[in-house]
């Protein structure tokens, strides 16, 4: 998530692959 913060297409792909895992990891990336 952090690596692709400037790549909206890749972020969307990561989210669609596993929404639960993305949401869980997102809080750490936001911190």
ModelCIF file with pLDDT and N, C-alpha, C, O atoms, coordinates in Angstrom:
data_MODEL
#
_entry.id   MODEL 
#
_entity.id                         1 
_entity.type                       polymer 
_entity.pdbx_number_of_molecules   1 
#
_entity_poly.entity_id                      1 
_entity_poly.type                           'polypeptide(L)' 
_entity_poly.nstd_linkage                   no 
_entity_poly.nstd_monomer                   no 
_entity_poly.pdbx_seq_one_letter_code       
;(UNK)(UNK)(UNK)(UNK)(UNK)(UNK)(UNK)(UNK)(UNK)(UNK)(UNK)(UNK)(UNK)(UNK)(UNK)(UNK)
(UNK)(UNK)(UNK)(UNK)(UNK)(UNK)(UNK)(UNK)(UNK)(UNK)(UNK)(UNK)(UNK)(UNK)(UNK)
;
_entity_poly.pdbx_seq_one_letter_code_can   XXXXXXXXXXXXXXXXXXXXXXXXXXXXXXX 
_entity_poly.pdbx_strand_id                 A 
#
loop_
_entity_poly_seq.entity_id 
_entity_poly_seq.num 
_entity_poly_seq.mon_id 
_entity_poly_seq.hetero 
1 1  UNK n 
1 2  UNK n 
1 3  UNK n 
1 4  UNK n 
1 5  UNK n 
1 6  UNK n 
1 7  UNK n 
1 8  UNK n 
1 9  UNK n 
1 10 UNK n 
1 11 UNK n 
1 12 UNK n 
1 13 UNK n 
1 14 UNK n 
1 15 UNK n 
1 16 UNK n 
1 17 UNK n 
1 18 UNK n 
1 19 UNK n 
1 20 UNK n 
1 21 UNK n 
1 22 UNK n 
1 23 UNK n 
1 24 UNK n 
1 25 UNK n 
1 26 UNK n 
1 27 UNK n 
1 28 UNK n 
1 29 UNK n 
1 30 UNK n 
1 31 UNK n 
#
_struct_asym.id          A 
_struct_asym.entity_id   1 
#
loop_
_ma_qa_metric.id 
_ma_qa_metric.mode 
_ma_qa_metric.name 
_ma_qa_metric.software_group_id 
_ma_qa_metric.type 
1 global pLDDT . pLDDT 
2 local  pLDDT . pLDDT 
#
_ma_qa_metric_global.metric_id      1 
_ma_qa_metric_global.metric_value   79.00 
_ma_qa_metric_global.model_id       1 
_ma_qa_metric_global.ordinal_id     1 
#
loop_
_ma_qa_metric_local.label_asym_id 
_ma_qa_metric_local.label_comp_id 
_ma_qa_metric_local.label_seq_id 
_ma_qa_metric_local.metric_id 
_ma_qa_metric_local.metric_value 
_ma_qa_metric_local.model_id 
_ma_qa_metric_local.ordinal_id 
A UNK 1  2 78.00 1 1  
A UNK 2  2 76.00 1 2  
A UNK 3  2 77.00 1 3  
A UNK 4  2 77.00 1 4  
A UNK 5  2 78.00 1 5  
A UNK 6  2 77.00 1 6  
A UNK 7  2 79.00 1 7  
A UNK 8  2 79.00 1 8  
A UNK 9  2 81.00 1 9  
A UNK 10 2 81.00 1 10 
A UNK 11 2 80.00 1 11 
A UNK 12 2 83.00 1 12 
A UNK 13 2 82.00 1 13 
A UNK 14 2 79.00 1 14 
A UNK 15 2 81.00 1 15 
A UNK 16 2 81.00 1 16 
A UNK 17 2 81.00 1 17 
A UNK 18 2 78.00 1 18 
A UNK 19 2 78.00 1 19 
A UNK 20 2 78.00 1 20 
A UNK 21 2 79.00 1 21 
A UNK 22 2 79.00 1 22 
A UNK 23 2 81.00 1 23 
A UNK 24 2 78.00 1 24 
A UNK 25 2 78.00 1 25 
A UNK 26 2 77.00 1 26 
A UNK 27 2 79.00 1 27 
A UNK 28 2 78.00 1 28 
A UNK 29 2 79.00 1 29 
A UNK 30 2 78.00 1 30 
A UNK 31 2 79.00 1 31 
#
loop_
_atom_site.group_PDB 
_atom_site.id 
_atom_site.type_symbol 
_atom_site.label_atom_id 
_atom_site.label_alt_id 
_atom_site.label_comp_id 
_atom_site.label_asym_id 
_atom_site.label_entity_id 
_atom_site.label_seq_id 
_atom_site.pdbx_PDB_ins_code 
_atom_site.Cartn_x 
_atom_site.Cartn_y 
_atom_site.Cartn_z 
_atom_site.occupancy 
_atom_site.B_iso_or_equiv 
_atom_site.pdbx_formal_charge 
_atom_site.auth_seq_id 
_atom_site.auth_comp_id 
_atom_site.auth_asym_id 
_atom_site.auth_atom_id 
_atom_site.pdbx_PDB_model_num 
ATOM 1   N N  . UNK A 1 1  ? 0.836   -1.209  0.000   1.00 78.00 ? 1  UNK A N  1 
ATOM 2   C CA . UNK A 1 1  ? 0.000   0.000   0.000   1.00 78.00 ? 1  UNK A CA 1 
ATOM 3   C C  . UNK A 1 1  ? 0.863   1.247   0.000   1.00 78.00 ? 1  UNK A C  1 
ATOM 4   O O  . UNK A 1 1  ? 0.626   2.181   -0.766  1.00 78.00 ? 1  UNK A O  1 
ATOM 5   N N  . UNK A 1 2  ? 1.884   1.256   0.880   1.00 76.00 ? 2  UNK A N  1 
ATOM 6   C CA . UNK A 1 2  ? 2.773   2.418   0.970   1.00 76.00 ? 2  UNK A CA 1 
ATOM 7   C C  . UNK A 1 2  ? 3.563   2.606   -0.328  1.00 76.00 ? 2  UNK A C  1 
ATOM 8   O O  . UNK A 1 2  ? 3.727   3.728   -0.807  1.00 76.00 ? 2  UNK A O  1 
ATOM 9   N N  . UNK A 1 3  ? 4.047   1.500   -0.888  1.00 77.00 ? 3  UNK A N  1 
ATOM 10  C CA . UNK A 1 3  ? 4.845   1.565   -2.110  1.00 77.00 ? 3  UNK A CA 1 
ATOM 11  C C  . UNK A 1 3  ? 4.030   2.128   -3.283  1.00 77.00 ? 3  UNK A C  1 
ATOM 12  O O  . UNK A 1 3  ? 4.557   2.867   -4.115  1.00 77.00 ? 3  UNK A O  1 
ATOM 13  N N  . UNK A 1 4  ? 2.734   1.769   -3.340  1.00 77.00 ? 4  UNK A N  1 
ATOM 14  C CA . UNK A 1 4  ? 1.895   2.163   -4.481  1.00 77.00 ? 4  UNK A CA 1 
ATOM 15  C C  . UNK A 1 4  ? 0.945   3.304   -4.129  1.00 77.00 ? 4  UNK A C  1 
ATOM 16  O O  . UNK A 1 4  ? -0.123  3.436   -4.727  1.00 77.00 ? 4  UNK A O  1 
ATOM 17  N N  . UNK A 1 5  ? 1.330   4.114   -3.174  1.00 78.00 ? 5  UNK A N  1 
ATOM 18  C CA . UNK A 1 5  ? 0.454   5.190   -2.699  1.00 78.00 ? 5  UNK A CA 1 
ATOM 19  C C  . UNK A 1 5  ? 0.112   6.191   -3.809  1.00 78.00 ? 5  UNK A C  1 
ATOM 20  O O  . UNK A 1 5  ? -0.925  6.852   -3.759  1.00 78.00 ? 5  UNK A O  1 
ATOM 21  N N  . UNK A 1 6  ? 0.987   6.293   -4.800  1.00 77.00 ? 6  UNK A N  1 
ATOM 22  C CA . UNK A 1 6  ? 0.762   7.227   -5.910  1.00 77.00 ? 6  UNK A CA 1 
ATOM 23  C C  . UNK A 1 6  ? 0.201   6.527   -7.146  1.00 77.00 ? 6  UNK A C  1 
ATOM 24  O O  . UNK A 1 6  ? 0.080   7.133   -8.210  1.00 77.00 ? 6  UNK A O  1 
ATOM 25  N N  . UNK A 1 7  ? -0.140  5.246   -6.996  1.00 79.00 ? 7  UNK A N  1 
ATOM 26  C CA . UNK A 1 7  ? -0.655  4.467   -8.130  1.00 79.00 ? 7  UNK A CA 1 
ATOM 27  C C  . UNK A 1 7  ? -2.086  3.998   -7.821  1.00 79.00 ? 7  UNK A C  1 
ATOM 28  O O  . UNK A 1 7  ? -2.265  2.920   -7.253  1.00 79.00 ? 7  UNK A O  1 
ATOM 29  N N  . UNK A 1 8  ? -3.103  4.789   -8.187  1.00 79.00 ? 8  UNK A N  1 
ATOM 30  C CA . UNK A 1 8  ? -4.502  4.447   -7.841  1.00 79.00 ? 8  UNK A CA 1 
ATOM 31  C C  . UNK A 1 8  ? -4.959  3.111   -8.420  1.00 79.00 ? 8  UNK A C  1 
ATOM 32  O O  . UNK A 1 8  ? -5.745  2.396   -7.800  1.00 79.00 ? 8  UNK A O  1 
ATOM 33  N N  . UNK A 1 9  ? -4.462  2.780   -9.614  1.00 81.00 ? 9  UNK A N  1 
ATOM 34  C CA . UNK A 1 9  ? -4.855  1.529   -10.259 1.00 81.00 ? 9  UNK A CA 1 
ATOM 35  C C  . UNK A 1 9  ? -4.383  0.317   -9.454  1.00 81.00 ? 9  UNK A C  1 
ATOM 36  O O  . UNK A 1 9  ? -5.126  -0.650  -9.283  1.00 81.00 ? 9  UNK A O  1 
ATOM 37  N N  . UNK A 1 10 ? -3.135  0.376   -8.959  1.00 81.00 ? 10 UNK A N  1 
ATOM 38  C CA . UNK A 1 10 ? -2.576  -0.728  -8.176  1.00 81.00 ? 10 UNK A CA 1 
ATOM 39  C C  . UNK A 1 10 ? -3.253  -0.839  -6.814  1.00 81.00 ? 10 UNK A C  1 
ATOM 40  O O  . UNK A 1 10 ? -3.489  -1.941  -6.320  1.00 81.00 ? 10 UNK A O  1 
ATOM 41  N N  . UNK A 1 11 ? -3.564  0.314   -6.207  1.00 80.00 ? 11 UNK A N  1 
ATOM 42  C CA . UNK A 1 11 ? -4.274  0.293   -4.919  1.00 80.00 ? 11 UNK A CA 1 
ATOM 43  C C  . UNK A 1 11 ? -5.659  -0.361  -5.070  1.00 80.00 ? 11 UNK A C  1 
ATOM 44  O O  . UNK A 1 11 ? -6.087  -1.143  -4.221  1.00 80.00 ? 11 UNK A O  1 
ATOM 45  N N  . UNK A 1 12 ? -6.339  -0.027  -6.157  1.00 83.00 ? 12 UNK A N  1 
ATOM 46  C CA . UNK A 1 12 ? -7.657  -0.620  -6.412  1.00 83.00 ? 12 UNK A CA 1 
ATOM 47  C C  . UNK A 1 12 ? -7.535  -2.127  -6.611  1.00 83.00 ? 12 UNK A C  1 
ATOM 48  O O  . UNK A 1 12 ? -8.368  -2.898  -6.134  1.00 83.00 ? 12 UNK A O  1 
ATOM 49  N N  . UNK A 1 13 ? -6.473  -2.541  -7.329  1.00 82.00 ? 13 UNK A N  1 
ATOM 50  C CA . UNK A 1 13 ? -6.263  -3.972  -7.570  1.00 82.00 ? 13 UNK A CA 1 
ATOM 51  C C  . UNK A 1 13 ? -5.996  -4.715  -6.263  1.00 82.00 ? 13 UNK A C  1 
ATOM 52  O O  . UNK A 1 13 ? -6.518  -5.810  -6.052  1.00 82.00 ? 13 UNK A O  1 
ATOM 53  N N  . UNK A 1 14 ? -5.187  -4.122  -5.387  1.00 79.00 ? 14 UNK A N  1 
ATOM 54  C CA . UNK A 1 14 ? -4.901  -4.734  -4.085  1.00 79.00 ? 14 UNK A CA 1 
ATOM 55  C C  . UNK A 1 14 ? -6.182  -4.867  -3.250  1.00 79.00 ? 14 UNK A C  1 
ATOM 56  O O  . UNK A 1 14 ? -6.406  -5.884  -2.594  1.00 79.00 ? 14 UNK A O  1 
ATOM 57  N N  . UNK A 1 15 ? -7.000  -3.839  -3.288  1.00 81.00 ? 15 UNK A N  1 
ATOM 58  C CA . UNK A 1 15 ? -8.251  -3.868  -2.531  1.00 81.00 ? 15 UNK A CA 1 
ATOM 59  C C  . UNK A 1 15 ? -9.178  -4.968  -3.037  1.00 81.00 ? 15 UNK A C  1 
ATOM 60  O O  . UNK A 1 15 ? -9.778  -5.689  -2.240  1.00 81.00 ? 15 UNK A O  1 
ATOM 61  N N  . UNK A 1 16 ? -9.299  -5.100  -4.355  1.00 81.00 ? 16 UNK A N  1 
ATOM 62  C CA . UNK A 1 16 ? -10.212 -6.090  -4.930  1.00 81.00 ? 16 UNK A CA 1 
ATOM 63  C C  . UNK A 1 16 ? -9.720  -7.517  -4.724  1.00 81.00 ? 16 UNK A C  1 
ATOM 64  O O  . UNK A 1 16 ? -10.527 -8.443  -4.640  1.00 81.00 ? 16 UNK A O  1 
ATOM 65  N N  . UNK A 1 17 ? -8.410  -7.704  -4.643  1.00 81.00 ? 17 UNK A N  1 
ATOM 66  C CA . UNK A 1 17 ? -7.861  -9.046  -4.421  1.00 81.00 ? 17 UNK A CA 1 
ATOM 67  C C  . UNK A 1 17 ? -8.265  -9.595  -3.064  1.00 81.00 ? 17 UNK A C  1 
ATOM 68  O O  . UNK A 1 17 ? -8.639  -10.761 -2.947  1.00 81.00 ? 17 UNK A O  1 
ATOM 69  N N  . UNK A 1 18 ? -8.191  -8.750  -2.035  1.00 78.00 ? 18 UNK A N  1 
ATOM 70  C CA . UNK A 1 18 ? -8.554  -9.194  -0.685  1.00 78.00 ? 18 UNK A CA 1 
ATOM 71  C C  . UNK A 1 18 ? -8.994  -7.989  0.141   1.00 78.00 ? 18 UNK A C  1 
ATOM 72  O O  . UNK A 1 18 ? -8.181  -7.393  0.848   1.00 78.00 ? 18 UNK A O  1 
ATOM 73  N N  . UNK A 1 19 ? -10.280 -7.624  0.057   1.00 78.00 ? 19 UNK A N  1 
ATOM 74  C CA . UNK A 1 19 ? -10.759 -6.419  0.761   1.00 78.00 ? 19 UNK A CA 1 
ATOM 75  C C  . UNK A 1 19 ? -10.507 -6.445  2.272   1.00 78.00 ? 19 UNK A C  1 
ATOM 76  O O  . UNK A 1 19 ? -10.164 -5.420  2.860   1.00 78.00 ? 19 UNK A O  1 
ATOM 77  N N  . UNK A 1 20 ? -10.678 -7.621  2.904   1.00 78.00 ? 20 UNK A N  1 
ATOM 78  C CA . UNK A 1 20 ? -10.482 -7.705  4.364   1.00 78.00 ? 20 UNK A CA 1 
ATOM 79  C C  . UNK A 1 20 ? -9.038  -7.448  4.753   1.00 78.00 ? 20 UNK A C  1 
ATOM 80  O O  . UNK A 1 20 ? -8.759  -6.678  5.673   1.00 78.00 ? 20 UNK A O  1 
ATOM 81  N N  . UNK A 1 21 ? -8.115  -8.102  4.041   1.00 79.00 ? 21 UNK A N  1 
ATOM 82  C CA . UNK A 1 21 ? -6.684  -7.915  4.339   1.00 79.00 ? 21 UNK A CA 1 
ATOM 83  C C  . UNK A 1 21 ? -6.259  -6.480  4.048   1.00 79.00 ? 21 UNK A C  1 
ATOM 84  O O  . UNK A 1 21 ? -5.449  -5.911  4.780   1.00 79.00 ? 21 UNK A O  1 
ATOM 85  N N  . UNK A 1 22 ? -6.792  -5.902  2.997   1.00 79.00 ? 22 UNK A N  1 
ATOM 86  C CA . UNK A 1 22 ? -6.461  -4.517  2.631   1.00 79.00 ? 22 UNK A CA 1 
ATOM 87  C C  . UNK A 1 22 ? -6.916  -3.566  3.735   1.00 79.00 ? 22 UNK A C  1 
ATOM 88  O O  . UNK A 1 22 ? -6.176  -2.668  4.136   1.00 79.00 ? 22 UNK A O  1 
ATOM 89  N N  . UNK A 1 23 ? -8.134  -3.769  4.218   1.00 81.00 ? 23 UNK A N  1 
ATOM 90  C CA . UNK A 1 23 ? -8.673  -2.879  5.250   1.00 81.00 ? 23 UNK A CA 1 
ATOM 91  C C  . UNK A 1 23 ? -7.885  -2.993  6.552   1.00 81.00 ? 23 UNK A C  1 
ATOM 92  O O  . UNK A 1 23 ? -7.661  -2.008  7.254   1.00 81.00 ? 23 UNK A O  1 
ATOM 93  N N  . UNK A 1 24 ? -7.472  -4.222  6.853   1.00 78.00 ? 24 UNK A N  1 
ATOM 94  C CA . UNK A 1 24 ? -6.704  -4.444  8.079   1.00 78.00 ? 24 UNK A CA 1 
ATOM 95  C C  . UNK A 1 24 ? -5.335  -3.786  7.989   1.00 78.00 ? 24 UNK A C  1 
ATOM 96  O O  . UNK A 1 24 ? -4.896  -3.145  8.944   1.00 78.00 ? 24 UNK A O  1 
ATOM 97  N N  . UNK A 1 25 ? -4.649  -3.935  6.845   1.00 78.00 ? 25 UNK A N  1 
ATOM 98  C CA . UNK A 1 25 ? -3.300  -3.367  6.671   1.00 78.00 ? 25 UNK A CA 1 
ATOM 99  C C  . UNK A 1 25 ? -3.349  -1.861  6.470   1.00 78.00 ? 25 UNK A C  1 
ATOM 100 O O  . UNK A 1 25 ? -2.369  -1.161  6.726   1.00 78.00 ? 25 UNK A O  1 
ATOM 101 N N  . UNK A 1 26 ? -4.506  -1.357  6.006   1.00 77.00 ? 26 UNK A N  1 
ATOM 102 C CA . UNK A 1 26 ? -4.616  0.059   5.681   1.00 77.00 ? 26 UNK A CA 1 
ATOM 103 C C  . UNK A 1 26 ? -4.378  0.944   6.903   1.00 77.00 ? 26 UNK A C  1 
ATOM 104 O O  . UNK A 1 26 ? -3.737  1.990   6.803   1.00 77.00 ? 26 UNK A O  1 
ATOM 105 N N  . UNK A 1 27 ? -4.898  0.520   8.058   1.00 79.00 ? 27 UNK A N  1 
ATOM 106 C CA . UNK A 1 27 ? -4.749  1.342   9.265   1.00 79.00 ? 27 UNK A CA 1 
ATOM 107 C C  . UNK A 1 27 ? -3.277  1.548   9.615   1.00 79.00 ? 27 UNK A C  1 
ATOM 108 O O  . UNK A 1 27 ? -2.883  2.629   10.053  1.00 79.00 ? 27 UNK A O  1 
ATOM 109 N N  . UNK A 1 28 ? -2.462  0.501   9.418   1.00 78.00 ? 28 UNK A N  1 
ATOM 110 C CA . UNK A 1 28 ? -1.022  0.637   9.687   1.00 78.00 ? 28 UNK A CA 1 
ATOM 111 C C  . UNK A 1 28 ? -0.377  1.577   8.687   1.00 78.00 ? 28 UNK A C  1 
ATOM 112 O O  . UNK A 1 28 ? 0.481   2.380   9.053   1.00 78.00 ? 28 UNK A O  1 
ATOM 113 N N  . UNK A 1 29 ? -0.776  1.485   7.436   1.00 79.00 ? 29 UNK A N  1 
ATOM 114 C CA . UNK A 1 29 ? -0.223  2.373   6.413   1.00 79.00 ? 29 UNK A CA 1 
ATOM 115 C C  . UNK A 1 29 ? -0.595  3.825   6.686   1.00 79.00 ? 29 UNK A C  1 
ATOM 116 O O  . UNK A 1 29 ? 0.209   4.727   6.451   1.00 79.00 ? 29 UNK A O  1 
ATOM 117 N N  . UNK A 1 30 ? -1.832  4.058   7.192   1.00 78.00 ? 30 UNK A N  1 
ATOM 118 C CA . UNK A 1 30 ? -2.276  5.417   7.490   1.00 78.00 ? 30 UNK A CA 1 
ATOM 119 C C  . UNK A 1 30 ? -1.513  5.999   8.677   1.00 78.00 ? 30 UNK A C  1 
ATOM 120 O O  . UNK A 1 30 ? -1.205  7.191   8.699   1.00 78.00 ? 30 UNK A O  1 
ATOM 121 N N  . UNK A 1 31 ? -1.202  5.140   9.683   1.00 79.00 ? 31 UNK A N  1 
ATOM 122 C CA . UNK A 1 31 ? -0.422  5.601   10.831  1.00 79.00 ? 31 UNK A CA 1 
ATOM 123 C C  . UNK A 1 31 ? 0.963   6.084   10.406  1.00 79.00 ? 31 UNK A C  1 
ATOM 124 O O  . UNK A 1 31 ? 1.754   6.508   11.248  1.00 79.00 ? 31 UNK A O  1 
#
